[in-house]
């Protein structure tokens, strides 16, 4: 009786993993479509380089190769920004630049799953503490803003 139960549990875990992979594939496809729409509607993007070049750009965060759930959580957080400063920091601003620096420091070892990005957010928090907290001549508001972005993103990722 116990064996049947464990086989059933194994089957359910396998089905759940397949379901998560399928769901992420669907989310990735949706995010690719949304990225393409933004690309088509942006004069600076569409005249600067091809869509394929955009997808390979190492300076985007999250990278286009990130799991769909990661890209969706970041996009939705960006869309909920209430101030222009938040939009700038998350879009092409300092926080995004710092994210790219941390990813670049990994020498190509970019996370390729949700857990990897959860670990990455922990690294981002460490980076922000080191580079933005109690910096002489700099207001700690920057540190607080960046930690807020990281905490909200982490919370959103944990929903998946």
N, C-alpha and C. Protein backbone atom coordinates (compact mmCIF):
# COMPACT_ATOMS: atom_id res chain seq x y z
N UNK A 1 0.83 -1.18 0.00
CA UNK A 1 0.00 0.00 0.00
C UNK A 1 0.88 1.24 0.00
N UNK A 2 1.93 1.22 0.75
CA UNK A 2 2.81 2.36 0.84
C UNK A 2 3.49 2.64 -0.49
N UNK A 3 3.87 1.60 -1.23
CA UNK A 3 4.50 1.78 -2.53
C UNK A 3 3.58 2.50 -3.50
N UNK A 4 2.34 2.11 -3.55
CA UNK A 4 1.40 2.77 -4.46
C UNK A 4 1.30 4.25 -4.13
N UNK A 5 1.28 4.55 -2.87
CA UNK A 5 1.19 5.95 -2.44
C UNK A 5 2.41 6.73 -2.91
N UNK A 6 3.61 6.15 -2.75
CA UNK A 6 4.81 6.89 -3.16
C UNK A 6 4.88 7.00 -4.67
N UNK A 7 4.43 5.97 -5.41
CA UNK A 7 4.41 6.08 -6.86
C UNK A 7 3.45 7.17 -7.31
N UNK A 8 2.31 7.23 -6.65
CA UNK A 8 1.34 8.27 -6.98
C UNK A 8 1.94 9.65 -6.69
N UNK A 9 2.64 9.77 -5.56
CA UNK A 9 3.26 11.05 -5.21
C UNK A 9 4.32 11.41 -6.25
N UNK A 10 5.13 10.45 -6.66
CA UNK A 10 6.15 10.71 -7.67
C UNK A 10 5.50 11.17 -8.97
N UNK A 11 4.43 10.50 -9.35
CA UNK A 11 3.74 10.87 -10.58
C UNK A 11 3.21 12.30 -10.48
N UNK A 12 2.63 12.65 -9.33
CA UNK A 12 2.11 14.00 -9.15
C UNK A 12 3.22 15.05 -9.20
N UNK A 13 4.36 14.76 -8.60
CA UNK A 13 5.49 15.70 -8.66
C UNK A 13 5.95 15.87 -10.10
N UNK A 14 6.00 14.77 -10.84
CA UNK A 14 6.42 14.83 -12.24
C UNK A 14 5.42 15.65 -13.05
N UNK A 15 4.14 15.41 -12.82
CA UNK A 15 3.09 16.17 -13.51
C UNK A 15 3.17 17.65 -13.17
N UNK A 16 3.42 17.94 -11.89
CA UNK A 16 3.51 19.34 -11.45
C UNK A 16 4.68 20.03 -12.13
N UNK A 17 5.83 19.35 -12.22
CA UNK A 17 7.00 19.94 -12.88
C UNK A 17 6.69 20.21 -14.35
N UNK A 18 6.05 19.25 -15.01
CA UNK A 18 5.68 19.44 -16.42
C UNK A 18 4.72 20.62 -16.56
N UNK A 19 3.76 20.70 -15.64
CA UNK A 19 2.80 21.79 -15.67
C UNK A 19 3.48 23.14 -15.49
N UNK A 20 4.45 23.22 -14.55
CA UNK A 20 5.20 24.47 -14.34
C UNK A 20 5.99 24.85 -15.58
N UNK A 21 6.62 23.86 -16.23
CA UNK A 21 7.39 24.13 -17.45
C UNK A 21 6.47 24.62 -18.56
N UNK A 22 5.31 24.00 -18.70
CA UNK A 22 4.35 24.40 -19.72
C UNK A 22 3.84 25.81 -19.44
N UNK A 23 3.51 26.08 -18.18
CA UNK A 23 3.04 27.41 -17.81
C UNK A 23 4.11 28.45 -18.09
N UNK A 24 5.36 28.18 -17.74
CA UNK A 24 6.42 29.15 -17.99
C UNK A 24 6.64 29.34 -19.49
N UNK A 25 6.49 28.28 -20.26
CA UNK A 25 6.63 28.42 -21.71
C UNK A 25 5.54 29.35 -22.25
N UNK A 26 4.33 29.19 -21.76
CA UNK A 26 3.23 30.06 -22.19
C UNK A 26 3.48 31.51 -21.76
N UNK A 27 3.95 31.70 -20.53
CA UNK A 27 4.25 33.05 -20.05
C UNK A 27 5.37 33.66 -20.89
N UNK A 28 6.39 32.87 -21.21
CA UNK A 28 7.51 33.37 -22.02
C UNK A 28 7.02 33.82 -23.39
N UNK A 29 6.15 33.04 -23.99
CA UNK A 29 5.60 33.42 -25.30
C UNK A 29 4.81 34.72 -25.20
N UNK A 30 4.02 34.87 -24.15
CA UNK A 30 3.26 36.12 -23.95
C UNK A 30 4.20 37.30 -23.77
N UNK A 31 5.25 37.11 -22.97
CA UNK A 31 6.21 38.19 -22.73
C UNK A 31 6.98 38.54 -24.01
N UNK A 32 7.30 37.54 -24.82
CA UNK A 32 7.95 37.81 -26.11
C UNK A 32 7.05 38.66 -27.01
N UNK A 33 5.76 38.35 -27.02
CA UNK A 33 4.81 39.13 -27.83
C UNK A 33 4.73 40.57 -27.33
N UNK A 34 4.69 40.75 -26.02
CA UNK A 34 4.63 42.10 -25.45
C UNK A 34 5.91 42.87 -25.74
N UNK A 35 7.05 42.20 -25.67
CA UNK A 35 8.33 42.84 -26.00
C UNK A 35 8.35 43.26 -27.46
N UNK A 36 7.86 42.40 -28.33
CA UNK A 36 7.83 42.73 -29.75
C UNK A 36 6.93 43.94 -30.02
N UNK A 37 5.81 44.00 -29.33
CA UNK A 37 4.91 45.16 -29.49
C UNK A 37 5.60 46.45 -29.05
N UNK A 38 6.30 46.38 -27.90
CA UNK A 38 7.04 47.57 -27.45
C UNK A 38 8.12 47.94 -28.45
N UNK A 39 8.79 46.92 -29.00
CA UNK A 39 9.83 47.15 -30.00
C UNK A 39 9.25 47.85 -31.23
N UNK A 40 8.14 47.33 -31.75
CA UNK A 40 7.52 47.91 -32.94
C UNK A 40 7.08 49.35 -32.71
N UNK A 41 6.60 49.65 -31.51
CA UNK A 41 6.06 50.97 -31.21
C UNK A 41 7.11 51.98 -30.73
N UNK A 42 8.36 51.54 -30.61
CA UNK A 42 9.41 52.43 -30.15
C UNK A 42 10.32 52.81 -31.31
N UNK A 43 10.33 54.08 -31.65
CA UNK A 43 11.17 54.55 -32.75
C UNK A 43 12.64 54.33 -32.43
N UNK A 44 13.05 54.64 -31.20
CA UNK A 44 14.46 54.49 -30.85
C UNK A 44 14.91 53.03 -30.87
N UNK A 45 14.05 52.11 -30.45
CA UNK A 45 14.41 50.70 -30.49
C UNK A 45 14.41 50.15 -31.91
N UNK A 46 13.32 50.38 -32.62
CA UNK A 46 13.17 49.75 -33.93
C UNK A 46 14.11 50.33 -34.99
N UNK A 47 14.57 51.57 -34.83
CA UNK A 47 15.51 52.12 -35.81
C UNK A 47 16.95 51.87 -35.39
N UNK A 48 17.17 51.54 -34.11
CA UNK A 48 18.53 51.33 -33.61
C UNK A 48 19.09 49.96 -33.94
N UNK A 49 18.26 48.95 -33.88
CA UNK A 49 18.73 47.59 -34.15
C UNK A 49 17.53 46.67 -34.35
N UNK A 50 17.83 45.47 -34.83
CA UNK A 50 16.76 44.51 -35.12
C UNK A 50 16.20 43.93 -33.83
N UNK A 51 15.04 43.31 -33.94
CA UNK A 51 14.41 42.67 -32.78
C UNK A 51 15.31 41.56 -32.25
N UNK A 52 15.95 40.82 -33.14
CA UNK A 52 16.86 39.74 -32.72
C UNK A 52 18.05 40.31 -31.95
N UNK A 53 18.56 41.47 -32.37
CA UNK A 53 19.66 42.10 -31.64
C UNK A 53 19.19 42.54 -30.26
N UNK A 54 17.97 43.06 -30.17
CA UNK A 54 17.41 43.45 -28.89
C UNK A 54 17.34 42.25 -27.95
N UNK A 55 16.89 41.12 -28.47
CA UNK A 55 16.74 39.92 -27.65
C UNK A 55 18.08 39.41 -27.14
N UNK A 56 19.17 39.72 -27.84
CA UNK A 56 20.50 39.26 -27.42
C UNK A 56 21.24 40.28 -26.57
N UNK A 57 20.64 41.44 -26.39
CA UNK A 57 21.30 42.52 -25.65
C UNK A 57 21.57 42.12 -24.21
N UNK A 58 22.83 42.25 -23.78
CA UNK A 58 23.15 41.91 -22.40
C UNK A 58 22.75 43.01 -21.42
N UNK A 59 22.32 44.15 -21.91
CA UNK A 59 22.04 45.29 -21.05
C UNK A 59 20.57 45.43 -20.68
N UNK A 60 19.77 44.44 -20.95
CA UNK A 60 18.38 44.51 -20.53
C UNK A 60 18.23 43.75 -19.21
N UNK A 61 17.31 44.20 -18.41
CA UNK A 61 16.99 43.46 -17.21
C UNK A 61 15.49 43.39 -17.07
N UNK A 62 15.00 42.21 -16.78
CA UNK A 62 15.73 40.95 -16.83
C UNK A 62 16.09 40.61 -18.27
N UNK A 63 17.15 39.82 -18.45
CA UNK A 63 17.53 39.45 -19.81
C UNK A 63 16.36 38.78 -20.53
N UNK A 64 16.31 38.92 -21.83
CA UNK A 64 15.22 38.34 -22.62
C UNK A 64 15.20 36.82 -22.49
N UNK A 65 16.34 36.23 -22.17
CA UNK A 65 16.41 34.78 -22.01
C UNK A 65 15.93 34.32 -20.63
N UNK A 66 15.59 35.26 -19.76
CA UNK A 66 15.10 34.90 -18.41
C UNK A 66 13.77 34.17 -18.54
N UNK A 67 13.45 33.33 -17.56
CA UNK A 67 12.15 32.65 -17.59
C UNK A 67 11.01 33.65 -17.70
N UNK A 68 9.95 33.24 -18.33
CA UNK A 68 8.80 34.10 -18.55
C UNK A 68 8.23 34.67 -17.26
N UNK A 69 8.20 33.87 -16.20
CA UNK A 69 7.65 34.34 -14.93
C UNK A 69 8.48 35.50 -14.37
N UNK A 70 9.79 35.45 -14.57
CA UNK A 70 10.68 36.52 -14.10
C UNK A 70 10.40 37.80 -14.88
N UNK A 71 10.33 37.67 -16.20
CA UNK A 71 10.07 38.84 -17.05
C UNK A 71 8.68 39.43 -16.78
N UNK A 72 7.70 38.54 -16.55
CA UNK A 72 6.34 39.01 -16.28
C UNK A 72 6.28 39.75 -14.95
N UNK A 73 6.91 39.20 -13.91
CA UNK A 73 6.90 39.84 -12.59
C UNK A 73 7.55 41.22 -12.67
N UNK A 74 8.66 41.34 -13.41
CA UNK A 74 9.35 42.63 -13.54
C UNK A 74 8.48 43.62 -14.32
N UNK A 75 7.89 43.16 -15.42
CA UNK A 75 7.05 44.04 -16.25
C UNK A 75 5.85 44.54 -15.46
N UNK A 76 5.20 43.63 -14.75
CA UNK A 76 4.03 44.03 -13.98
C UNK A 76 4.40 45.00 -12.86
N UNK A 77 5.54 44.78 -12.22
CA UNK A 77 5.99 45.70 -11.19
C UNK A 77 6.27 47.08 -11.82
N UNK A 78 6.88 47.09 -12.99
CA UNK A 78 7.15 48.35 -13.69
C UNK A 78 5.85 49.08 -14.02
N UNK A 79 4.87 48.33 -14.49
CA UNK A 79 3.59 48.93 -14.86
C UNK A 79 2.85 49.51 -13.65
N UNK A 80 3.15 49.01 -12.45
CA UNK A 80 2.50 49.50 -11.23
C UNK A 80 3.24 50.70 -10.60
N UNK A 81 4.36 51.10 -11.20
CA UNK A 81 5.11 52.24 -10.64
C UNK A 81 4.21 53.45 -10.55
N UNK A 82 4.32 54.16 -9.44
CA UNK A 82 3.46 55.32 -9.24
C UNK A 82 4.19 56.64 -9.48
N UNK A 83 5.53 56.60 -9.54
CA UNK A 83 6.28 57.84 -9.79
C UNK A 83 7.17 57.65 -11.01
N UNK A 84 7.52 58.77 -11.60
CA UNK A 84 8.43 58.73 -12.75
C UNK A 84 9.80 58.22 -12.34
N UNK A 85 10.26 58.56 -11.14
CA UNK A 85 11.56 58.08 -10.67
C UNK A 85 11.58 56.55 -10.58
N UNK A 86 10.51 55.96 -10.07
CA UNK A 86 10.44 54.49 -10.02
C UNK A 86 10.54 53.91 -11.42
N UNK A 87 9.82 54.50 -12.35
CA UNK A 87 9.84 54.02 -13.74
C UNK A 87 11.24 54.12 -14.33
N UNK A 88 11.91 55.24 -14.06
CA UNK A 88 13.26 55.43 -14.58
C UNK A 88 14.21 54.42 -13.96
N UNK A 89 14.15 54.24 -12.63
CA UNK A 89 15.05 53.30 -11.96
C UNK A 89 14.85 51.88 -12.46
N UNK A 90 13.60 51.49 -12.68
CA UNK A 90 13.32 50.13 -13.15
C UNK A 90 13.51 49.98 -14.65
N UNK A 91 13.27 51.04 -15.40
CA UNK A 91 13.35 50.96 -16.86
C UNK A 91 14.79 50.91 -17.33
N UNK A 92 15.37 52.07 -17.49
CA UNK A 92 16.75 52.13 -17.97
C UNK A 92 17.61 52.90 -16.98
N UNK A 93 17.19 52.96 -15.71
CA UNK A 93 17.87 53.76 -14.72
C UNK A 93 18.92 53.01 -13.93
N UNK A 94 19.27 53.61 -12.82
CA UNK A 94 20.36 53.12 -12.00
C UNK A 94 20.14 51.70 -11.46
N UNK A 95 18.95 51.40 -10.97
CA UNK A 95 18.74 50.06 -10.41
C UNK A 95 18.95 49.00 -11.49
N UNK A 96 18.42 49.25 -12.67
CA UNK A 96 18.60 48.30 -13.77
C UNK A 96 20.06 48.19 -14.15
N UNK A 97 20.76 49.32 -14.15
CA UNK A 97 22.20 49.32 -14.44
C UNK A 97 22.93 48.45 -13.41
N UNK A 98 22.60 48.60 -12.12
CA UNK A 98 23.24 47.81 -11.08
C UNK A 98 22.92 46.32 -11.26
N UNK A 99 21.70 46.00 -11.65
CA UNK A 99 21.33 44.60 -11.92
C UNK A 99 22.22 44.04 -13.03
N UNK A 100 22.41 44.82 -14.08
CA UNK A 100 23.26 44.37 -15.19
C UNK A 100 24.70 44.18 -14.74
N UNK A 101 25.19 45.07 -13.87
CA UNK A 101 26.55 44.93 -13.34
C UNK A 101 26.71 43.62 -12.58
N UNK A 102 25.73 43.31 -11.73
CA UNK A 102 25.80 42.08 -10.95
C UNK A 102 25.73 40.87 -11.86
N UNK A 103 24.84 40.90 -12.87
CA UNK A 103 24.76 39.79 -13.82
C UNK A 103 26.07 39.66 -14.59
N UNK A 104 26.66 40.79 -15.02
CA UNK A 104 27.93 40.76 -15.75
C UNK A 104 29.04 40.15 -14.89
N UNK A 105 29.01 40.41 -13.59
CA UNK A 105 30.06 39.90 -12.70
C UNK A 105 30.00 38.38 -12.56
N UNK A 106 28.92 37.79 -13.00
CA UNK A 106 28.75 36.34 -12.89
C UNK A 106 29.41 35.59 -14.06
N UNK A 107 30.08 36.32 -14.94
CA UNK A 107 30.80 35.73 -16.06
C UNK A 107 29.95 34.76 -16.88
N UNK A 108 28.77 35.18 -17.23
CA UNK A 108 27.92 34.36 -18.07
C UNK A 108 27.06 33.37 -17.32
N UNK A 109 27.23 33.28 -16.02
CA UNK A 109 26.43 32.35 -15.21
C UNK A 109 25.13 33.02 -14.79
N UNK A 110 24.34 33.39 -15.78
CA UNK A 110 23.07 34.05 -15.53
C UNK A 110 22.06 33.00 -15.09
N UNK A 111 21.27 33.30 -14.07
CA UNK A 111 20.27 32.33 -13.63
C UNK A 111 19.32 31.97 -14.77
N UNK A 112 18.91 30.72 -14.83
CA UNK A 112 17.99 30.33 -15.90
C UNK A 112 16.70 29.72 -15.35
N UNK A 113 16.47 29.92 -14.05
CA UNK A 113 15.22 29.45 -13.47
C UNK A 113 14.80 30.40 -12.35
N UNK A 114 13.61 30.17 -11.85
CA UNK A 114 13.04 31.05 -10.84
C UNK A 114 13.89 31.09 -9.57
N UNK A 115 14.36 29.95 -9.11
CA UNK A 115 15.20 29.92 -7.91
C UNK A 115 16.50 30.69 -8.11
N UNK A 116 17.06 30.61 -9.30
CA UNK A 116 18.26 31.37 -9.61
C UNK A 116 18.03 32.87 -9.50
N UNK A 117 16.86 33.32 -9.93
CA UNK A 117 16.55 34.75 -9.83
C UNK A 117 16.22 35.16 -8.40
N UNK A 118 15.66 34.25 -7.62
CA UNK A 118 15.44 34.56 -6.20
C UNK A 118 16.80 34.72 -5.51
N UNK A 119 17.76 33.85 -5.84
CA UNK A 119 19.12 34.00 -5.30
C UNK A 119 19.74 35.30 -5.78
N UNK A 120 19.51 35.63 -7.05
CA UNK A 120 20.05 36.85 -7.63
C UNK A 120 19.53 38.08 -6.88
N UNK A 121 18.27 38.10 -6.51
CA UNK A 121 17.71 39.24 -5.79
C UNK A 121 18.41 39.37 -4.44
N UNK A 122 18.75 38.26 -3.81
CA UNK A 122 19.53 38.32 -2.57
C UNK A 122 20.89 38.97 -2.82
N UNK A 123 21.52 38.62 -3.94
CA UNK A 123 22.79 39.24 -4.31
C UNK A 123 22.60 40.73 -4.58
N UNK A 124 21.49 41.09 -5.21
CA UNK A 124 21.22 42.51 -5.49
C UNK A 124 21.07 43.29 -4.18
N UNK A 125 20.40 42.71 -3.22
CA UNK A 125 20.24 43.38 -1.93
C UNK A 125 21.61 43.60 -1.27
N UNK A 126 22.47 42.59 -1.34
CA UNK A 126 23.82 42.74 -0.79
C UNK A 126 24.57 43.84 -1.52
N UNK A 127 24.45 43.87 -2.85
CA UNK A 127 25.11 44.90 -3.67
C UNK A 127 24.61 46.29 -3.28
N UNK A 128 23.31 46.44 -3.14
CA UNK A 128 22.73 47.74 -2.79
C UNK A 128 23.19 48.17 -1.40
N UNK A 129 23.23 47.22 -0.45
CA UNK A 129 23.73 47.55 0.90
C UNK A 129 25.17 48.04 0.83
N UNK A 130 25.98 47.38 0.06
CA UNK A 130 27.40 47.71 -0.05
C UNK A 130 27.64 49.03 -0.76
N UNK A 131 26.91 49.29 -1.85
CA UNK A 131 27.19 50.45 -2.69
C UNK A 131 26.29 51.66 -2.46
N UNK A 132 25.19 51.49 -1.76
CA UNK A 132 24.22 52.59 -1.66
C UNK A 132 23.85 52.98 -0.23
N UNK A 133 24.27 52.21 0.76
CA UNK A 133 23.89 52.50 2.14
C UNK A 133 24.97 53.31 2.83
N UNK A 134 24.57 54.42 3.45
CA UNK A 134 25.48 55.31 4.17
C UNK A 134 26.68 55.76 3.33
N UNK A 135 26.42 56.09 2.09
CA UNK A 135 27.47 56.60 1.21
C UNK A 135 27.64 58.09 1.52
N UNK A 136 28.87 58.53 1.82
CA UNK A 136 29.08 59.95 2.12
C UNK A 136 28.59 60.84 0.97
N UNK A 137 27.84 61.87 1.34
CA UNK A 137 27.34 62.82 0.35
C UNK A 137 26.11 62.34 -0.41
N UNK A 138 25.60 61.17 -0.06
CA UNK A 138 24.44 60.62 -0.75
C UNK A 138 23.33 60.36 0.25
N UNK A 139 22.14 60.73 -0.12
CA UNK A 139 20.97 60.53 0.72
C UNK A 139 20.64 59.03 0.77
N UNK A 140 20.28 58.53 1.95
CA UNK A 140 19.90 57.11 2.07
C UNK A 140 18.58 56.80 1.39
N UNK A 141 17.89 57.81 0.87
CA UNK A 141 16.64 57.60 0.14
C UNK A 141 16.89 56.71 -1.08
N UNK A 142 18.04 56.85 -1.72
CA UNK A 142 18.39 56.02 -2.88
C UNK A 142 18.45 54.55 -2.44
N UNK A 143 19.13 54.31 -1.33
CA UNK A 143 19.21 52.95 -0.78
C UNK A 143 17.81 52.40 -0.51
N UNK A 144 16.97 53.19 0.13
CA UNK A 144 15.62 52.76 0.46
C UNK A 144 14.80 52.47 -0.80
N UNK A 145 14.93 53.33 -1.81
CA UNK A 145 14.21 53.12 -3.07
C UNK A 145 14.63 51.82 -3.75
N UNK A 146 15.94 51.59 -3.79
CA UNK A 146 16.44 50.37 -4.45
C UNK A 146 16.05 49.12 -3.68
N UNK A 147 16.11 49.18 -2.36
CA UNK A 147 15.71 48.02 -1.56
C UNK A 147 14.21 47.76 -1.73
N UNK A 148 13.43 48.81 -1.86
CA UNK A 148 12.00 48.66 -2.09
C UNK A 148 11.75 47.95 -3.42
N UNK A 149 12.45 48.36 -4.47
CA UNK A 149 12.30 47.69 -5.77
C UNK A 149 12.66 46.21 -5.64
N UNK A 150 13.79 45.92 -4.99
CA UNK A 150 14.24 44.53 -4.84
C UNK A 150 13.25 43.72 -4.01
N UNK A 151 12.74 44.28 -2.92
CA UNK A 151 11.80 43.56 -2.07
C UNK A 151 10.48 43.27 -2.78
N UNK A 152 9.97 44.24 -3.51
CA UNK A 152 8.72 44.02 -4.24
C UNK A 152 8.92 42.96 -5.32
N UNK A 153 10.04 43.03 -6.04
CA UNK A 153 10.32 42.04 -7.08
C UNK A 153 10.45 40.64 -6.47
N UNK A 154 11.13 40.54 -5.35
CA UNK A 154 11.28 39.25 -4.68
C UNK A 154 9.91 38.69 -4.28
N UNK A 155 9.05 39.55 -3.75
CA UNK A 155 7.70 39.13 -3.35
C UNK A 155 6.92 38.63 -4.56
N UNK A 156 7.02 39.35 -5.68
CA UNK A 156 6.32 38.93 -6.90
C UNK A 156 6.84 37.59 -7.41
N UNK A 157 8.15 37.40 -7.39
CA UNK A 157 8.72 36.13 -7.84
C UNK A 157 8.27 34.96 -6.98
N UNK A 158 8.13 35.18 -5.72
CA UNK A 158 7.72 34.11 -4.80
C UNK A 158 6.29 33.65 -5.07
N UNK A 159 5.52 34.45 -5.79
CA UNK A 159 4.14 34.04 -6.12
C UNK A 159 4.12 32.91 -7.14
N UNK A 160 5.21 32.75 -7.87
CA UNK A 160 5.29 31.68 -8.87
C UNK A 160 5.91 30.47 -8.25
